[in-house]
């Protein structure tokens, strides 16, 4: 399959979402709102859930299924308030010893004058700093699009996974083609050279695991896919929690220093 076909699949509105993963994974979930500074960014979902009666912090970017919901969720592009909300929840997770799961599906952070005015660059940087300092087990999963700093800001974790038909890159193929070749219509060719698919990134050791979405060329039904993902998440957190926190932190440091 060509890379741009995977890009198109990653952008489909019916992909599994942050809220669907939370509903499948957690027996109970309390969403927490606001960054205690300026606003509550609805593109960013954050809160505390119970997984097998143990608390976990979940932070994820949520897109909409239709126009009205997409407008409410800002098409999955979070602004500075969203990343500050994420930081607040991750710091609370560290304080109380809760594992952190981040779920990513964004074309990028909200690129608008008001975002710049309110410190989007600083918010993303502070999110990266916060995640680098976490000693609790952390896992990030790219569900669809993993675009630019908006995705990277939530992906500095012990393990980084991607869904089979997701993408992870510094910018969109259209943006890449526009900048390098001055023609966004060359997005398909750009996707082929960007190494943005899960297969490419696993080979480059940027990610640690691919979650299959197909079996024998047939798409896995959504409920089954969510169940597979839920079981994999539980297993991974069990593995991470068995590692000494200091050793786990050193492993995370070494993982990202290799780039």
Protein backbone atom coordinates (compact mmCIF):
# COMPACT_ATOMS: atom_id res chain seq x y z
CA UNK A 1 0.00 0.00 0.00
CA UNK A 2 1.28 3.47 -0.87
CA UNK A 3 2.08 5.79 2.01
CA UNK A 4 -0.51 8.36 0.94
CA UNK A 5 -3.25 5.73 1.12
CA UNK A 6 -2.31 5.23 4.77
CA UNK A 7 -2.41 9.02 5.24
CA UNK A 8 -5.98 9.02 3.94
CA UNK A 9 -6.94 6.14 6.24
CA UNK A 10 -5.38 7.93 9.22
CA UNK A 11 -7.62 10.93 8.53
CA UNK A 12 -10.89 9.02 8.35
CA UNK A 13 -13.54 10.27 10.77
CA UNK A 14 -14.57 6.80 11.88
CA UNK A 15 -11.22 5.84 13.39
CA UNK A 16 -11.24 4.76 17.01
CA UNK A 17 -11.10 7.84 19.20
CA UNK A 18 -9.72 8.82 22.58
CA UNK A 19 -13.16 8.62 24.18
CA UNK A 20 -13.80 5.15 22.72
CA UNK A 21 -10.49 3.87 24.07
CA UNK A 22 -11.29 5.34 27.49
CA UNK A 23 -14.73 3.73 27.47
CA UNK A 24 -13.23 0.35 26.55
CA UNK A 25 -10.27 0.54 28.94
CA UNK A 26 -11.73 2.16 32.05
CA UNK A 27 -14.53 0.85 34.25
CA UNK A 28 -15.04 4.42 35.44
CA UNK A 29 -13.66 7.75 34.23
CA UNK A 30 -13.80 11.29 35.60
CA UNK A 31 -12.91 13.97 33.07
CA UNK A 32 -11.17 17.01 34.54
CA UNK A 33 -11.41 20.39 32.87
CA UNK A 34 -9.43 23.58 32.42
CA UNK A 35 -5.81 24.63 32.73
CA UNK A 36 -6.37 26.81 35.84
CA UNK A 37 -5.15 29.77 33.80
CA UNK A 38 -7.30 30.69 30.81
CA UNK A 39 -9.71 28.11 29.37
CA UNK A 40 -10.91 24.55 28.93
CA UNK A 41 -9.71 23.27 25.56
CA UNK A 42 -12.25 20.70 24.36
CA UNK A 43 -9.82 19.21 21.83
CA UNK A 44 -7.90 17.79 24.78
CA UNK A 45 -9.56 15.19 27.02
CA UNK A 46 -7.91 14.54 30.37
CA UNK A 47 -8.91 12.74 33.52
CA UNK A 48 -8.63 9.79 35.86
CA UNK A 49 -9.96 6.32 35.13
CA UNK A 50 -10.06 2.95 36.83
CA UNK A 51 -8.41 0.00 35.10
CA UNK A 52 -8.97 -3.23 37.02
CA UNK A 53 -9.69 -1.08 40.08
CA UNK A 54 -6.38 0.77 39.79
CA UNK A 55 -6.26 4.50 38.93
CA UNK A 56 -4.70 5.71 35.71
CA UNK A 57 -4.38 9.16 34.16
CA UNK A 58 -5.49 9.41 30.54
CA UNK A 59 -4.76 12.39 28.30
CA UNK A 60 -5.87 12.38 24.70
CA UNK A 61 -6.76 14.49 21.70
CA UNK A 62 -10.34 14.08 20.50
CA UNK A 63 -11.60 14.82 17.00
CA UNK A 64 -15.27 15.06 16.05
CA UNK A 65 -17.34 12.70 13.92
CA UNK A 66 -19.27 15.45 12.11
CA UNK A 67 -19.03 19.18 11.45
CA UNK A 68 -20.73 20.39 14.63
CA UNK A 69 -18.65 18.12 16.85
CA UNK A 70 -15.47 18.94 14.95
CA UNK A 71 -16.05 22.64 15.50
CA UNK A 72 -16.56 21.99 19.21
CA UNK A 73 -13.36 19.90 19.32
CA UNK A 74 -11.51 22.37 17.07
CA UNK A 75 -10.90 19.54 14.58
CA UNK A 76 -8.54 17.88 17.07
CA UNK A 77 -6.11 20.81 17.13
CA UNK A 78 -5.40 21.75 20.72
CA UNK A 79 -4.23 25.19 21.79
CA UNK A 80 -2.05 26.25 24.72
CA UNK A 81 -4.87 25.72 27.25
CA UNK A 82 -5.14 22.09 26.15
CA UNK A 83 -1.47 21.33 26.64
CA UNK A 84 -1.45 23.12 29.98
CA UNK A 85 -4.43 21.00 31.01
CA UNK A 86 -2.45 17.91 29.99
CA UNK A 87 0.57 19.09 31.98
CA UNK A 88 -1.58 19.65 35.06
CA UNK A 89 -2.96 16.12 34.90
CA UNK A 90 0.45 14.55 34.28
CA UNK A 91 1.94 16.37 37.28
CA UNK A 92 -0.92 15.11 39.43
CA UNK A 93 -0.28 11.59 38.12
CA UNK A 94 3.36 11.88 39.17
CA UNK A 95 2.37 13.18 42.61
CA UNK A 96 -0.02 10.30 43.27
CA UNK A 97 1.89 7.56 41.43
CA UNK A 98 -0.60 6.94 38.63
CA UNK A 99 0.48 5.55 35.22
CA UNK A 100 -0.08 7.93 32.29
CA UNK A 101 -1.64 6.98 28.94
CA UNK A 102 -1.65 9.52 26.13
CA UNK A 103 -3.76 9.09 22.99
CA UNK A 104 -2.91 11.11 19.89
CA UNK A 105 -4.91 12.02 16.81
CA UNK A 106 -4.13 15.50 15.56
CA UNK A 107 -2.96 17.17 12.38
CA UNK A 108 -1.04 19.52 14.66
CA UNK A 109 -1.45 22.04 17.44
CA UNK A 110 -3.82 24.96 16.82
CA UNK A 111 -1.91 27.23 14.43
CA UNK A 112 -3.58 30.61 14.91
CA UNK A 113 -2.51 34.07 16.11
CA UNK A 114 -4.35 33.63 19.41
CA UNK A 115 -2.40 30.42 20.07
CA UNK A 116 0.88 32.23 19.52
CA UNK A 117 -0.27 35.13 21.68
CA UNK A 118 -1.11 32.75 24.52
CA UNK A 119 2.12 30.76 24.35
CA UNK A 120 1.55 27.60 22.32
CA UNK A 121 5.29 27.10 21.82
CA UNK A 122 5.96 27.35 25.53
CA UNK A 123 3.04 25.03 26.36
CA UNK A 124 4.37 22.34 24.01
CA UNK A 125 7.89 22.75 25.40
CA UNK A 126 6.64 22.52 28.99
CA UNK A 127 4.68 19.39 28.11
CA UNK A 128 7.86 17.78 26.78
CA UNK A 129 9.80 18.80 29.87
CA UNK A 130 7.07 17.44 32.14
CA UNK A 131 6.93 14.11 30.32
CA UNK A 132 10.70 13.78 30.38
CA UNK A 133 10.62 14.11 34.17
CA UNK A 134 7.82 11.63 34.85
CA UNK A 135 8.94 8.56 36.78
CA UNK A 136 5.55 6.79 36.63
CA UNK A 137 4.93 4.31 33.76
CA UNK A 138 3.96 6.11 30.55
CA UNK A 139 2.59 4.93 27.21
CA UNK A 140 1.54 6.92 24.14
CA UNK A 141 -0.51 5.62 21.21
CA UNK A 142 -1.01 7.36 17.89
CA UNK A 143 -4.56 6.51 16.86
CA UNK A 144 -4.74 8.38 13.55
CA UNK A 145 -2.75 11.48 12.66
CA UNK A 146 0.35 12.28 14.65
CA UNK A 147 1.21 15.69 13.32
CA UNK A 148 4.05 18.03 14.27
CA UNK A 149 4.66 19.42 17.77
CA UNK A 150 1.04 18.89 18.68
CA UNK A 151 1.66 15.13 18.62
CA UNK A 152 5.24 15.11 19.89
CA UNK A 153 4.12 17.07 22.97
CA UNK A 154 2.25 13.96 24.22
CA UNK A 155 4.62 11.26 22.96
CA UNK A 156 7.72 11.48 25.17
CA UNK A 157 6.90 8.23 26.96
CA UNK A 158 8.43 4.93 28.01
CA UNK A 159 6.73 3.23 25.05
CA UNK A 160 5.35 4.73 21.84
CA UNK A 161 2.85 2.75 19.77
CA UNK A 162 1.04 3.38 16.51
CA UNK A 163 -2.09 1.93 15.01
CA UNK A 164 -1.34 0.13 11.76
CA UNK A 165 -3.00 2.79 9.59
CA UNK A 166 -1.78 5.84 11.47
CA UNK A 167 0.94 8.37 10.61
CA UNK A 168 3.54 10.30 12.62
CA UNK A 169 5.50 13.15 11.08
CA UNK A 170 6.85 16.67 11.46
CA UNK A 171 4.14 18.05 9.16
CA UNK A 172 1.54 16.93 6.63
CA UNK A 173 2.54 15.60 3.19
CA UNK A 174 0.74 18.59 1.70
CA UNK A 175 2.82 20.97 3.81
CA UNK A 176 6.01 19.08 2.97
CA UNK A 177 5.27 19.25 -0.77
CA UNK A 178 4.37 22.94 -0.56
CA UNK A 179 7.61 23.85 1.21
CA UNK A 180 10.04 21.67 -0.74
CA UNK A 181 8.43 21.51 -4.15
CA UNK A 182 6.08 24.51 -4.07
CA UNK A 183 3.15 22.31 -5.02
CA UNK A 184 0.80 20.72 -2.49
CA UNK A 185 -0.57 18.48 -5.23
CA UNK A 186 2.61 16.43 -4.91
CA UNK A 187 1.53 15.24 -1.46
CA UNK A 188 1.44 11.60 -2.58
CA UNK A 189 5.09 11.71 -3.61
CA UNK A 190 5.95 13.54 -0.41
CA UNK A 191 4.35 10.84 1.71
CA UNK A 192 6.55 8.22 0.03
CA UNK A 193 9.76 9.97 1.11
CA UNK A 194 8.71 11.21 4.56
CA UNK A 195 8.86 7.83 6.34
CA UNK A 196 5.66 8.58 8.23
CA UNK A 197 3.93 5.20 8.33
CA UNK A 198 3.97 2.86 11.31
CA UNK A 199 6.04 0.30 9.39
CA UNK A 200 8.66 2.91 8.48
CA UNK A 201 8.89 4.27 12.01
CA UNK A 202 9.15 0.85 13.61
CA UNK A 203 12.10 0.09 11.33
CA UNK A 204 13.68 3.40 12.36
CA UNK A 205 13.01 2.55 16.04
CA UNK A 206 11.04 5.76 16.52
CA UNK A 207 8.16 3.63 17.81
CA UNK A 208 8.08 0.37 19.72
CA UNK A 209 4.98 -1.42 18.50
CA UNK A 210 2.30 -1.48 15.79
CA UNK A 211 -1.29 -2.37 16.69
CA UNK A 212 -2.72 -4.39 13.75
CA UNK A 213 -5.95 -3.16 12.19
CA UNK A 214 -6.31 -5.99 9.67
CA UNK A 215 -6.18 -9.77 9.69
CA UNK A 216 -5.60 -11.59 6.40
CA UNK A 217 -6.42 -8.41 4.50
CA UNK A 218 -9.75 -7.91 6.31
CA UNK A 219 -10.32 -4.97 8.66
CA UNK A 220 -10.80 -5.96 12.30
CA UNK A 221 -14.25 -4.98 13.60
CA UNK A 222 -14.07 -1.90 15.81
CA UNK A 223 -15.19 -3.53 19.07
CA UNK A 224 -12.65 -6.30 18.60
CA UNK A 225 -9.95 -3.77 17.74
CA UNK A 226 -10.74 -1.81 20.92
CA UNK A 227 -10.65 -5.01 22.96
CA UNK A 228 -7.27 -5.98 21.45
CA UNK A 229 -5.91 -2.53 22.21
CA UNK A 230 -7.26 -2.57 25.76
CA UNK A 231 -5.62 -5.90 26.53
CA UNK A 232 -2.33 -4.71 25.04
CA UNK A 233 -2.42 -1.52 27.14
CA UNK A 234 -3.04 -3.47 30.35
CA UNK A 235 -0.21 -5.86 29.55
CA UNK A 236 2.20 -3.03 28.76
CA UNK A 237 1.50 -1.17 31.99
CA UNK A 238 1.99 -4.40 33.93
CA UNK A 239 5.37 -4.80 32.24
CA UNK A 240 6.40 -1.19 32.89
CA UNK A 241 5.30 -1.26 36.51
CA UNK A 242 7.50 -4.31 37.12
CA UNK A 243 10.57 -2.22 36.25
CA UNK A 244 12.18 -0.09 38.96
CA UNK A 245 11.14 3.56 38.47
CA UNK A 246 14.74 4.83 38.39
CA UNK A 247 15.73 2.23 35.81
CA UNK A 248 12.60 2.94 33.77
CA UNK A 249 13.42 6.66 33.78
CA UNK A 250 16.98 5.97 32.64
CA UNK A 251 15.68 3.75 29.85
CA UNK A 252 13.35 6.52 28.66
CA UNK A 253 16.24 8.99 28.70
CA UNK A 254 18.42 6.64 26.66
CA UNK A 255 15.57 5.93 24.25
CA UNK A 256 15.16 9.54 23.21
CA UNK A 257 18.86 10.44 23.36
CA UNK A 258 19.54 7.93 20.57
CA UNK A 259 17.84 10.28 18.10
